[in-house]
Amino acid sequence: MVGDTTAEGNDIDLYVQSLAAVLRNGPLALDFEAPMFVPIRTPKRLTVARSGEFGKGLPSRPFSASAGATSLVTGLVVVSYILATLRPLIPEATTTLDWRLPPVGPEWLLLFEAFVTDQRKTSDTRHIEDAHLAIATFQRATPRASKVQSKNRTASVCSGQ
């Protein structure tokens, strides 16, 4: 999704080309519905849910549980491929993971994590719906988000620690 334009598909190389086109003209926020980091903690807390993965009245969905671990491995492969393919197209791009200070100029890329889950969707397009939900959440929650183009591979909401 770029501004008010949406696009859907399953060609990852075409997707990377569209990311490069956006980055040439301005900043880009790129999110993934997969854990983008794992916390380093004391041995007894290594696999405990991160902030945002649990809460009062909510089920615990730690990154280390079945769905989280599966999406972490998938994200590792997909994110690595996208970044390795994007780098030669935009060699001067700068990337950040700090969603509190989104990029504001061309060739600035913000990567962030989506945690869109348990939305009780049954349609074949639930991942696309999640992606749109993630973009809307990002735009509401992030300073200066209106100046950043948003694209996603699956979906996103930023996670804490």
N, C-alpha and C. Protein backbone atom coordinates (compact mmCIF):
# COMPACT_ATOMS: atom_id res chain seq x y z
N MET A 1 0.85 -1.17 0.00
CA MET A 1 0.00 0.00 0.00
C MET A 1 0.90 1.23 0.00
N VAL A 2 0.70 2.08 -0.94
CA VAL A 2 1.47 3.32 -1.02
C VAL A 2 0.47 4.46 -1.05
N GLY A 3 0.48 5.27 0.00
CA GLY A 3 -0.51 6.33 0.08
C GLY A 3 -1.90 5.74 -0.02
N ASP A 4 -2.68 6.20 -1.01
CA ASP A 4 -4.02 5.68 -1.20
C ASP A 4 -4.07 4.56 -2.23
N THR A 5 -2.93 4.11 -2.71
CA THR A 5 -2.88 3.06 -3.72
C THR A 5 -2.58 1.73 -3.06
N THR A 6 -3.32 0.71 -3.44
CA THR A 6 -3.06 -0.62 -2.90
C THR A 6 -2.66 -1.55 -4.03
N ALA A 7 -1.91 -2.56 -3.67
CA ALA A 7 -1.50 -3.59 -4.63
C ALA A 7 -1.39 -4.90 -3.88
N GLU A 8 -1.77 -5.96 -4.54
CA GLU A 8 -1.70 -7.28 -3.94
C GLU A 8 -1.07 -8.22 -4.94
N GLY A 9 -0.41 -9.25 -4.45
CA GLY A 9 0.18 -10.23 -5.34
C GLY A 9 1.08 -11.19 -4.59
N ASN A 10 1.74 -12.07 -5.33
CA ASN A 10 2.62 -13.04 -4.68
C ASN A 10 3.97 -13.17 -5.37
N ASP A 11 4.36 -12.16 -6.14
CA ASP A 11 5.66 -12.15 -6.80
C ASP A 11 6.62 -11.30 -5.96
N ILE A 12 7.47 -11.97 -5.20
CA ILE A 12 8.34 -11.27 -4.26
C ILE A 12 9.35 -10.37 -4.98
N ASP A 13 9.81 -10.77 -6.16
CA ASP A 13 10.77 -9.92 -6.89
C ASP A 13 10.10 -8.65 -7.41
N LEU A 14 8.87 -8.75 -7.87
CA LEU A 14 8.12 -7.57 -8.29
C LEU A 14 7.86 -6.67 -7.08
N TYR A 15 7.60 -7.28 -5.96
CA TYR A 15 7.41 -6.55 -4.71
C TYR A 15 8.66 -5.73 -4.36
N VAL A 16 9.82 -6.34 -4.45
CA VAL A 16 11.08 -5.64 -4.15
C VAL A 16 11.29 -4.49 -5.13
N GLN A 17 10.95 -4.69 -6.40
CA GLN A 17 11.07 -3.61 -7.39
C GLN A 17 10.19 -2.42 -6.99
N SER A 18 8.97 -2.72 -6.51
CA SER A 18 8.08 -1.63 -6.11
C SER A 18 8.60 -0.93 -4.84
N LEU A 19 9.21 -1.68 -3.94
CA LEU A 19 9.82 -1.06 -2.75
C LEU A 19 10.93 -0.10 -3.17
N ALA A 20 11.76 -0.53 -4.11
CA ALA A 20 12.87 0.31 -4.59
C ALA A 20 12.33 1.59 -5.21
N ALA A 21 11.26 1.49 -5.98
CA ALA A 21 10.68 2.67 -6.62
C ALA A 21 10.19 3.66 -5.57
N VAL A 22 9.55 3.18 -4.52
CA VAL A 22 9.08 4.05 -3.45
C VAL A 22 10.26 4.70 -2.74
N LEU A 23 11.28 3.90 -2.42
CA LEU A 23 12.44 4.42 -1.68
C LEU A 23 13.21 5.49 -2.46
N ARG A 24 13.22 5.39 -3.76
CA ARG A 24 13.93 6.40 -4.57
C ARG A 24 13.30 7.79 -4.40
N ASN A 25 12.00 7.82 -4.10
CA ASN A 25 11.26 9.08 -4.04
C ASN A 25 10.94 9.56 -2.64
N GLY A 26 11.16 8.72 -1.64
CA GLY A 26 10.83 9.15 -0.28
C GLY A 26 11.04 8.04 0.72
N PRO A 27 10.68 8.31 1.97
CA PRO A 27 10.86 7.30 3.02
C PRO A 27 9.84 6.18 2.88
N LEU A 28 10.17 5.04 3.48
CA LEU A 28 9.31 3.86 3.39
C LEU A 28 9.27 3.14 4.72
N ALA A 29 8.08 2.78 5.16
CA ALA A 29 7.89 1.93 6.35
C ALA A 29 7.49 0.55 5.84
N LEU A 30 8.27 -0.45 6.19
CA LEU A 30 8.05 -1.82 5.72
C LEU A 30 7.86 -2.72 6.92
N ASP A 31 6.71 -3.37 6.97
CA ASP A 31 6.43 -4.19 8.13
C ASP A 31 6.24 -5.64 7.75
N PHE A 32 6.46 -6.50 8.74
CA PHE A 32 6.35 -7.95 8.56
C PHE A 32 5.57 -8.53 9.73
N GLU A 33 4.67 -9.45 9.42
CA GLU A 33 3.94 -10.13 10.49
C GLU A 33 4.77 -11.32 10.94
N ALA A 34 5.83 -10.98 11.63
CA ALA A 34 6.80 -11.96 12.14
C ALA A 34 7.66 -11.26 13.19
N PRO A 35 8.09 -11.99 14.21
CA PRO A 35 9.00 -11.37 15.18
C PRO A 35 10.25 -10.82 14.49
N MET A 36 10.55 -9.57 14.75
CA MET A 36 11.71 -8.92 14.14
C MET A 36 12.89 -8.86 15.11
N PHE A 37 12.67 -9.30 16.32
CA PHE A 37 13.76 -9.37 17.29
C PHE A 37 13.37 -10.37 18.37
N VAL A 38 14.35 -10.88 19.03
CA VAL A 38 14.11 -11.70 20.22
C VAL A 38 14.90 -11.08 21.35
N PRO A 39 14.31 -11.02 22.53
CA PRO A 39 14.99 -10.38 23.65
C PRO A 39 16.14 -11.22 24.19
N ILE A 40 17.14 -10.55 24.70
CA ILE A 40 18.24 -11.22 25.41
C ILE A 40 17.96 -10.98 26.89
N ARG A 41 17.76 -12.08 27.60
CA ARG A 41 17.36 -11.98 28.99
C ARG A 41 18.14 -12.94 29.86
N THR A 42 17.74 -12.98 31.11
CA THR A 42 18.32 -13.96 32.03
C THR A 42 17.84 -15.36 31.61
N PRO A 43 18.59 -16.39 31.93
CA PRO A 43 18.24 -17.75 31.50
C PRO A 43 16.80 -18.17 31.82
N LYS A 44 16.28 -17.80 32.96
CA LYS A 44 14.93 -18.21 33.34
C LYS A 44 13.84 -17.51 32.53
N ARG A 45 14.18 -16.43 31.83
CA ARG A 45 13.18 -15.65 31.09
C ARG A 45 13.42 -15.64 29.58
N LEU A 46 14.29 -16.46 29.09
CA LEU A 46 14.66 -16.42 27.67
C LEU A 46 13.48 -16.54 26.71
N THR A 47 12.52 -17.39 27.02
CA THR A 47 11.42 -17.62 26.08
C THR A 47 10.08 -17.06 26.55
N VAL A 48 10.10 -16.19 27.54
CA VAL A 48 8.88 -15.57 28.06
C VAL A 48 8.33 -14.58 27.02
N ALA A 49 7.02 -14.44 26.99
CA ALA A 49 6.38 -13.51 26.05
C ALA A 49 6.92 -12.10 26.22
N ARG A 50 7.07 -11.41 25.10
CA ARG A 50 7.50 -10.01 25.11
C ARG A 50 6.31 -9.12 25.44
N SER A 51 6.59 -7.88 25.80
CA SER A 51 5.53 -6.91 26.03
C SER A 51 4.66 -6.82 24.78
N GLY A 52 3.34 -6.84 24.95
CA GLY A 52 2.43 -6.78 23.81
C GLY A 52 1.96 -8.15 23.35
N GLU A 53 2.60 -9.21 23.83
CA GLU A 53 2.21 -10.56 23.43
C GLU A 53 1.29 -11.22 24.46
N PHE A 54 0.90 -10.46 25.46
CA PHE A 54 0.01 -10.95 26.50
C PHE A 54 -0.61 -9.74 27.18
N GLY A 55 -1.61 -9.96 27.96
CA GLY A 55 -2.22 -8.87 28.70
C GLY A 55 -3.42 -9.38 29.49
N LYS A 56 -3.93 -8.57 30.36
CA LYS A 56 -5.06 -8.97 31.20
C LYS A 56 -6.24 -9.36 30.31
N GLY A 57 -6.72 -10.56 30.50
CA GLY A 57 -7.85 -11.05 29.73
C GLY A 57 -7.52 -11.53 28.33
N LEU A 58 -6.26 -11.47 27.97
CA LEU A 58 -5.84 -11.90 26.63
C LEU A 58 -5.03 -13.19 26.73
N PRO A 59 -5.07 -14.01 25.68
CA PRO A 59 -4.23 -15.21 25.71
C PRO A 59 -2.76 -14.83 25.56
N SER A 60 -1.88 -15.61 26.14
CA SER A 60 -0.44 -15.38 25.98
C SER A 60 -0.02 -15.93 24.62
N ARG A 61 0.66 -15.12 23.83
CA ARG A 61 1.13 -15.52 22.51
C ARG A 61 2.61 -15.17 22.37
N PRO A 62 3.46 -15.84 23.13
CA PRO A 62 4.88 -15.50 23.09
C PRO A 62 5.51 -15.84 21.74
N PHE A 63 6.53 -15.07 21.39
CA PHE A 63 7.26 -15.30 20.14
C PHE A 63 7.80 -16.72 20.07
N SER A 64 8.02 -17.35 21.21
CA SER A 64 8.63 -18.68 21.25
C SER A 64 7.61 -19.81 21.16
N ALA A 65 6.32 -19.49 21.16
CA ALA A 65 5.29 -20.52 21.02
C ALA A 65 5.19 -20.94 19.55
N SER A 66 4.38 -21.91 19.28
CA SER A 66 4.30 -22.52 17.95
C SER A 66 4.15 -21.52 16.81
N ALA A 67 3.10 -20.71 16.82
CA ALA A 67 2.87 -19.76 15.73
C ALA A 67 3.98 -18.71 15.66
N GLY A 68 4.41 -18.21 16.82
CA GLY A 68 5.48 -17.22 16.84
C GLY A 68 6.79 -17.76 16.30
N ALA A 69 7.14 -18.98 16.71
CA ALA A 69 8.38 -19.60 16.24
C ALA A 69 8.34 -19.86 14.74
N THR A 70 7.19 -20.31 14.26
CA THR A 70 7.04 -20.57 12.82
C THR A 70 7.17 -19.27 12.02
N SER A 71 6.48 -18.21 12.47
CA SER A 71 6.57 -16.94 11.74
C SER A 71 7.95 -16.31 11.87
N LEU A 72 8.64 -16.56 12.99
CA LEU A 72 10.00 -16.04 13.16
C LEU A 72 10.93 -16.65 12.10
N VAL A 73 10.85 -17.96 11.91
CA VAL A 73 11.71 -18.63 10.92
C VAL A 73 11.34 -18.18 9.51
N THR A 74 10.05 -18.12 9.22
CA THR A 74 9.61 -17.66 7.90
C THR A 74 10.08 -16.23 7.66
N GLY A 75 9.89 -15.38 8.66
CA GLY A 75 10.33 -13.99 8.54
C GLY A 75 11.83 -13.87 8.34
N LEU A 76 12.60 -14.70 9.01
CA LEU A 76 14.05 -14.68 8.85
C LEU A 76 14.44 -14.90 7.38
N VAL A 77 13.80 -15.84 6.76
CA VAL A 77 14.10 -16.16 5.36
C VAL A 77 13.58 -15.05 4.43
N VAL A 78 12.34 -14.63 4.63
CA VAL A 78 11.72 -13.65 3.74
C VAL A 78 12.38 -12.28 3.88
N VAL A 79 12.57 -11.81 5.11
CA VAL A 79 13.19 -10.50 5.32
C VAL A 79 14.61 -10.49 4.77
N SER A 80 15.36 -11.54 5.00
CA SER A 80 16.74 -11.61 4.48
C SER A 80 16.74 -11.54 2.95
N TYR A 81 15.83 -12.25 2.32
CA TYR A 81 15.77 -12.23 0.85
C TYR A 81 15.40 -10.83 0.34
N ILE A 82 14.38 -10.23 0.95
CA ILE A 82 13.94 -8.91 0.50
C ILE A 82 15.06 -7.88 0.66
N LEU A 83 15.72 -7.87 1.81
CA LEU A 83 16.79 -6.88 2.03
C LEU A 83 17.99 -7.14 1.13
N ALA A 84 18.35 -8.40 0.92
CA ALA A 84 19.48 -8.72 0.04
C ALA A 84 19.18 -8.35 -1.42
N THR A 85 17.94 -8.48 -1.82
CA THR A 85 17.54 -8.14 -3.18
C THR A 85 17.37 -6.64 -3.34
N LEU A 86 16.94 -5.97 -2.30
CA LEU A 86 16.73 -4.52 -2.34
C LEU A 86 18.03 -3.74 -2.31
N ARG A 87 19.02 -4.21 -1.56
CA ARG A 87 20.28 -3.47 -1.38
C ARG A 87 20.95 -3.06 -2.71
N PRO A 88 21.10 -3.95 -3.69
CA PRO A 88 21.73 -3.52 -4.95
C PRO A 88 20.90 -2.49 -5.72
N LEU A 89 19.60 -2.46 -5.50
CA LEU A 89 18.74 -1.51 -6.20
C LEU A 89 18.79 -0.13 -5.57
N ILE A 90 19.02 -0.07 -4.28
CA ILE A 90 19.10 1.19 -3.53
C ILE A 90 20.32 1.11 -2.61
N PRO A 91 21.53 1.14 -3.17
CA PRO A 91 22.74 0.90 -2.36
C PRO A 91 23.00 1.95 -1.28
N GLU A 92 22.47 3.15 -1.43
CA GLU A 92 22.72 4.20 -0.45
C GLU A 92 21.64 4.29 0.62
N ALA A 93 20.67 3.40 0.59
CA ALA A 93 19.56 3.46 1.55
C ALA A 93 20.04 3.24 2.98
N THR A 94 19.36 3.91 3.89
CA THR A 94 19.63 3.76 5.31
C THR A 94 18.41 3.10 5.95
N THR A 95 18.65 2.12 6.82
CA THR A 95 17.56 1.39 7.45
C THR A 95 17.59 1.59 8.96
N THR A 96 16.41 1.69 9.54
CA THR A 96 16.27 1.81 10.98
C THR A 96 15.19 0.86 11.48
N LEU A 97 15.26 0.52 12.75
CA LEU A 97 14.23 -0.26 13.42
C LEU A 97 13.50 0.58 14.46
N ASP A 98 13.86 1.85 14.58
CA ASP A 98 13.30 2.73 15.60
C ASP A 98 12.03 3.40 15.09
N TRP A 99 10.88 2.78 15.39
CA TRP A 99 9.60 3.28 14.91
C TRP A 99 9.19 4.61 15.54
N ARG A 100 9.84 5.01 16.64
CA ARG A 100 9.50 6.28 17.29
C ARG A 100 10.03 7.46 16.49
N LEU A 101 11.01 7.23 15.64
CA LEU A 101 11.59 8.29 14.81
C LEU A 101 11.57 7.83 13.35
N PRO A 102 10.39 7.83 12.73
CA PRO A 102 10.32 7.33 11.36
C PRO A 102 11.15 8.18 10.41
N PRO A 103 11.65 7.56 9.35
CA PRO A 103 12.47 8.29 8.37
C PRO A 103 11.65 9.34 7.65
N VAL A 104 12.33 10.39 7.20
CA VAL A 104 11.61 11.49 6.55
C VAL A 104 12.14 11.82 5.16
N GLY A 105 13.15 11.16 4.66
CA GLY A 105 13.69 11.51 3.36
C GLY A 105 13.83 10.30 2.44
N PRO A 106 14.10 10.56 1.17
CA PRO A 106 14.32 9.47 0.22
C PRO A 106 15.41 8.51 0.71
N GLU A 107 15.25 7.26 0.36
CA GLU A 107 16.20 6.20 0.67
C GLU A 107 16.33 5.92 2.17
N TRP A 108 15.30 6.26 2.94
CA TRP A 108 15.25 5.93 4.36
C TRP A 108 14.18 4.87 4.55
N LEU A 109 14.56 3.75 5.12
CA LEU A 109 13.69 2.60 5.30
C LEU A 109 13.51 2.28 6.78
N LEU A 110 12.26 2.20 7.22
CA LEU A 110 11.93 1.79 8.57
C LEU A 110 11.37 0.37 8.50
N LEU A 111 11.98 -0.56 9.22
CA LEU A 111 11.47 -1.92 9.33
C LEU A 111 10.80 -2.06 10.68
N PHE A 112 9.61 -2.65 10.68
CA PHE A 112 8.97 -2.89 11.97
C PHE A 112 8.14 -4.15 11.93
N GLU A 113 7.75 -4.57 13.11
CA GLU A 113 7.08 -5.85 13.30
C GLU A 113 5.58 -5.70 13.43
N ALA A 114 4.86 -6.61 12.81
CA ALA A 114 3.42 -6.69 12.96
C ALA A 114 3.08 -7.74 14.00
N PHE A 115 2.09 -7.43 14.78
CA PHE A 115 1.55 -8.47 15.66
C PHE A 115 0.04 -8.36 15.55
N VAL A 116 -0.48 -8.83 14.44
CA VAL A 116 -1.91 -8.85 14.17
C VAL A 116 -2.33 -10.29 14.32
N THR A 117 -3.12 -10.56 15.34
CA THR A 117 -3.45 -11.96 15.63
C THR A 117 -4.86 -12.09 16.17
N ASP A 118 -5.36 -13.27 16.07
CA ASP A 118 -6.64 -13.64 16.67
C ASP A 118 -7.75 -12.66 16.29
N GLN A 119 -7.78 -12.27 15.03
CA GLN A 119 -8.81 -11.36 14.56
C GLN A 119 -10.09 -12.10 14.17
N ARG A 120 -10.08 -13.42 14.31
CA ARG A 120 -11.25 -14.26 14.02
C ARG A 120 -11.73 -14.10 12.58
N LYS A 121 -10.80 -13.98 11.68
CA LYS A 121 -11.13 -13.89 10.27
C LYS A 121 -11.08 -15.29 9.67
N THR A 122 -11.99 -15.55 8.76
CA THR A 122 -12.01 -16.87 8.13
C THR A 122 -11.86 -16.77 6.62
N SER A 123 -11.80 -15.58 6.09
CA SER A 123 -11.73 -15.40 4.64
C SER A 123 -10.33 -15.70 4.11
N ASP A 124 -10.26 -15.96 2.83
CA ASP A 124 -8.98 -16.19 2.17
C ASP A 124 -8.12 -14.93 2.14
N THR A 125 -8.74 -13.78 2.36
CA THR A 125 -8.02 -12.51 2.30
C THR A 125 -7.65 -11.99 3.68
N ARG A 126 -7.69 -12.84 4.70
CA ARG A 126 -7.45 -12.34 6.06
C ARG A 126 -6.06 -11.73 6.22
N HIS A 127 -5.07 -12.24 5.50
CA HIS A 127 -3.72 -11.67 5.61
C HIS A 127 -3.68 -10.27 5.00
N ILE A 128 -4.43 -10.07 3.92
CA ILE A 128 -4.51 -8.75 3.31
C ILE A 128 -5.25 -7.80 4.26
N GLU A 129 -6.33 -8.28 4.87
CA GLU A 129 -7.05 -7.48 5.86
C GLU A 129 -6.12 -7.11 7.02
N ASP A 130 -5.32 -8.07 7.48
CA ASP A 130 -4.37 -7.80 8.56
C ASP A 130 -3.37 -6.74 8.14
N ALA A 131 -2.92 -6.80 6.89
CA ALA A 131 -1.95 -5.83 6.39
C ALA A 131 -2.54 -4.42 6.42
N HIS A 132 -3.76 -4.28 5.98
CA HIS A 132 -4.41 -2.97 6.00
C HIS A 132 -4.61 -2.48 7.43
N LEU A 133 -4.97 -3.38 8.33
CA LEU A 133 -5.11 -3.03 9.74
C LEU A 133 -3.77 -2.56 10.31
N ALA A 134 -2.70 -3.24 9.94
CA ALA A 134 -1.38 -2.87 10.43
C ALA A 134 -0.96 -1.49 9.95
N ILE A 135 -1.21 -1.21 8.69
CA ILE A 135 -0.85 0.10 8.15
C ILE A 135 -1.63 1.20 8.87
N ALA A 136 -2.91 0.99 9.05
CA ALA A 136 -3.74 1.99 9.74
C ALA A 136 -3.24 2.20 11.17
N THR A 137 -2.88 1.12 11.85
CA THR A 137 -2.38 1.23 13.23
C THR A 137 -1.05 1.98 13.24
N PHE A 138 -0.17 1.66 12.32
CA PHE A 138 1.12 2.36 12.21
C PHE A 138 0.89 3.85 12.00
N GLN A 139 -0.01 4.20 11.08
CA GLN A 139 -0.24 5.61 10.77
C GLN A 139 -0.83 6.37 11.96
N ARG A 140 -1.67 5.70 12.76
CA ARG A 140 -2.24 6.35 13.95
C ARG A 140 -1.21 6.48 15.07
N ALA A 141 -0.33 5.51 15.21
CA ALA A 141 0.55 5.44 16.38
C ALA A 141 1.92 6.06 16.20
N THR A 142 2.31 6.36 14.99
CA THR A 142 3.68 6.78 14.74
C THR A 142 3.77 8.27 14.43
N PRO A 143 4.68 8.98 15.10
CA PRO A 143 4.89 10.40 14.80
C PRO A 143 5.33 10.56 13.34
N ARG A 144 4.83 11.56 12.69
CA ARG A 144 5.20 11.90 11.30
C ARG A 144 4.86 10.79 10.31
N ALA A 145 3.99 9.86 10.66
CA ALA A 145 3.67 8.74 9.77
C ALA A 145 3.06 9.21 8.46
N SER A 146 2.40 10.36 8.45
CA SER A 146 1.76 10.82 7.23
C SER A 146 2.78 11.13 6.13
N LYS A 147 4.06 11.31 6.50
CA LYS A 147 5.09 11.59 5.51
C LYS A 147 5.80 10.34 5.03
N VAL A 148 5.42 9.18 5.56
CA VAL A 148 6.10 7.93 5.24
C VAL A 148 5.16 7.04 4.44
N GLN A 149 5.64 6.54 3.31
CA GLN A 149 4.87 5.58 2.54
C GLN A 149 4.90 4.25 3.28
N SER A 150 3.81 3.50 3.23
CA SER A 150 3.75 2.22 3.92
C SER A 150 3.54 1.08 2.95
N LYS A 151 4.33 0.03 3.12
CA LYS A 151 4.17 -1.20 2.35
C LYS A 151 4.32 -2.32 3.34
N ASN A 152 3.71 -3.44 3.04
CA ASN A 152 3.91 -4.57 3.93
C ASN A 152 3.93 -5.87 3.16
N ARG A 153 4.56 -6.82 3.77
CA ARG A 153 4.65 -8.17 3.22
C ARG A 153 3.47 -8.97 3.72
N THR A 154 3.13 -8.77 4.97
CA THR A 154 1.97 -9.45 5.55
C THR A 154 1.20 -8.48 6.43
N ALA A 155 1.77 -8.01 7.52
CA ALA A 155 1.09 -7.05 8.37
C ALA A 155 2.00 -6.54 9.46
N SER A 156 1.57 -5.56 10.26
CA SER A 156 2.42 -5.09 11.32
C SER A 156 1.83 -4.18 12.36
N VAL A 157 2.26 -4.38 13.53
CA VAL A 157 2.09 -3.46 14.65
C VAL A 157 3.38 -3.58 15.44
N CYS A 158 3.94 -2.45 15.83
CA CYS A 158 5.24 -2.49 16.50
C CYS A 158 5.15 -3.19 17.85
N SER A 159 6.18 -3.93 18.19
CA SER A 159 6.24 -4.63 19.47
C SER A 159 7.23 -3.97 20.39
N GLY A 160 6.99 -4.13 21.67
CA GLY A 160 7.91 -3.65 22.68
C GLY A 160 8.96 -4.70 22.96
N GLN A 161 9.35 -4.86 24.23
CA GLN A 161 10.40 -5.82 24.52
C GLN A 161 9.93 -7.01 25.27
